[in-house]
């Protein structure tokens, strides 16, 4: 996945990486930003193949706003979730204290 940051003077491409992880309950993934920060954590998947399919869906649909939903937790923190085209949850962001923080992170995702 590539993130594009544009300015009047230049266009800079900032790579992010998807990391597949084996966990006790199956498989998951993380999308890691160029500074090493976690942008989203994947759901739990029973097989590596299902997890890779979710990763590919995230990569393929990163610019599709229909695949992202802004949410507020019970304790009023902000986050977003990522869904595949069928509407199934495939990943969620960390919690943010403000809607602006969440929205800024979401812009980096798209």
Protein backbone atom coordinates (compact mmCIF):
# COMPACT_ATOMS: atom_id res chain seq x y z
CA UNK A 1 0.00 0.00 0.00
CA UNK A 2 1.28 3.45 -0.79
CA UNK A 3 0.40 6.71 0.83
CA UNK A 4 0.69 9.85 -1.22
CA UNK A 5 1.53 13.17 0.36
CA UNK A 6 1.41 16.14 -2.00
CA UNK A 7 2.70 19.67 -1.66
CA UNK A 8 3.13 22.50 -4.09
CA UNK A 9 6.84 21.68 -4.52
CA UNK A 10 6.91 17.91 -4.67
CA UNK A 11 5.09 14.62 -4.55
CA UNK A 12 6.37 12.15 -1.96
CA UNK A 13 5.42 8.46 -1.79
CA UNK A 14 5.43 7.02 1.72
CA UNK A 15 5.18 3.21 1.89
CA UNK A 16 3.23 1.34 4.53
CA UNK A 17 3.52 -2.38 5.11
CA UNK A 18 1.05 -5.13 5.86
CA UNK A 19 2.35 -7.72 8.33
CA UNK A 20 0.77 -11.17 8.68
CA UNK A 21 1.02 -12.63 12.19
CA UNK A 22 0.31 -16.08 13.64
CA UNK A 23 -1.50 -15.77 16.97
CA UNK A 24 -2.78 -18.39 19.39
CA UNK A 25 -6.34 -18.16 18.05
CA UNK A 26 -5.41 -18.13 14.34
CA UNK A 27 -4.02 -15.28 12.24
CA UNK A 28 -4.20 -11.52 12.15
CA UNK A 29 -2.40 -8.64 10.46
CA UNK A 30 -1.30 -5.09 11.11
CA UNK A 31 -0.84 -2.17 8.77
CA UNK A 32 2.35 -0.41 9.86
CA UNK A 33 3.09 3.17 8.82
CA UNK A 34 6.51 4.41 7.66
CA UNK A 35 7.36 5.61 11.18
CA UNK A 36 6.65 2.19 12.69
CA UNK A 37 3.26 3.19 14.10
CA UNK A 38 0.35 0.76 13.82
CA UNK A 39 -2.43 2.22 11.68
CA UNK A 40 -4.89 -0.67 11.97
CA UNK A 41 -5.06 -4.12 13.53
CA UNK A 42 -6.76 -6.90 11.63
CA UNK A 43 -9.56 -9.07 12.95
CA UNK A 44 -8.82 -12.67 13.93
CA UNK A 45 -8.95 -15.15 11.07
CA UNK A 46 -8.99 -18.94 11.34
CA UNK A 47 -6.60 -19.51 8.42
CA UNK A 48 -3.65 -17.73 6.89
CA UNK A 49 -5.46 -17.72 3.53
CA UNK A 50 -8.49 -15.90 5.00
CA UNK A 51 -6.16 -13.37 6.62
CA UNK A 52 -4.26 -12.76 3.39
CA UNK A 53 -7.58 -12.28 1.56
CA UNK A 54 -8.54 -9.61 4.12
CA UNK A 55 -5.14 -7.94 3.66
CA UNK A 56 -5.62 -7.90 -0.11
CA UNK A 57 -9.13 -6.46 0.33
CA UNK A 58 -7.71 -3.67 2.49
CA UNK A 59 -5.04 -2.94 -0.10
CA UNK A 60 -7.46 -3.08 -3.03
CA UNK A 61 -10.14 -0.93 -1.40
CA UNK A 62 -8.01 1.63 0.48
CA UNK A 63 -9.51 4.47 -1.55
CA UNK A 64 -13.13 3.23 -1.28
CA UNK A 65 -14.83 5.32 1.42
CA UNK A 66 -17.64 2.75 1.62
CA UNK A 67 -15.17 0.35 3.26
CA UNK A 68 -14.46 2.66 6.23
CA UNK A 69 -16.79 3.58 9.09
CA UNK A 70 -16.14 6.20 11.77
CA UNK A 71 -17.15 5.09 15.27
CA UNK A 72 -17.25 6.29 18.88
CA UNK A 73 -16.62 3.89 21.77
CA UNK A 74 -18.71 3.68 24.92
CA UNK A 75 -16.20 5.89 26.73
CA UNK A 76 -16.40 8.56 23.99
CA UNK A 77 -13.12 7.71 22.23
CA UNK A 78 -12.97 7.79 18.45
CA UNK A 79 -11.87 5.04 16.05
CA UNK A 80 -12.63 3.67 12.62
CA UNK A 81 -13.26 0.21 11.24
CA UNK A 82 -12.40 -1.26 7.86
CA UNK A 83 -14.79 -3.60 6.06
CA UNK A 84 -14.55 -5.62 2.89
CA UNK A 85 -16.99 -5.06 0.03
CA UNK A 86 -19.41 -7.56 1.61
CA UNK A 87 -19.57 -5.42 4.76
CA UNK A 88 -17.59 -7.82 6.96
CA UNK A 89 -15.24 -6.29 9.54
CA UNK A 90 -11.61 -6.92 8.63
CA UNK A 91 -9.72 -4.39 10.77
CA UNK A 92 -10.02 -1.56 13.26
CA UNK A 93 -7.91 1.40 14.29
CA UNK A 94 -6.57 2.25 17.71
CA UNK A 95 -8.59 4.62 19.89
CA UNK A 96 -8.21 8.40 19.55
CA UNK A 97 -9.18 11.05 22.10
CA UNK A 98 -10.58 13.34 19.42
CA UNK A 99 -12.49 12.99 16.17
CA UNK A 100 -9.79 15.11 14.51
CA UNK A 101 -7.09 12.61 15.51
CA UNK A 102 -9.13 9.72 14.14
CA UNK A 103 -9.90 11.60 10.93
CA UNK A 104 -6.22 12.45 10.44
CA UNK A 105 -5.28 8.76 10.77
CA UNK A 106 -8.06 7.82 8.39
CA UNK A 107 -6.68 10.19 5.77
CA UNK A 108 -3.35 8.37 5.94
CA UNK A 109 -5.19 5.08 5.38
CA UNK A 110 -6.82 6.34 2.22
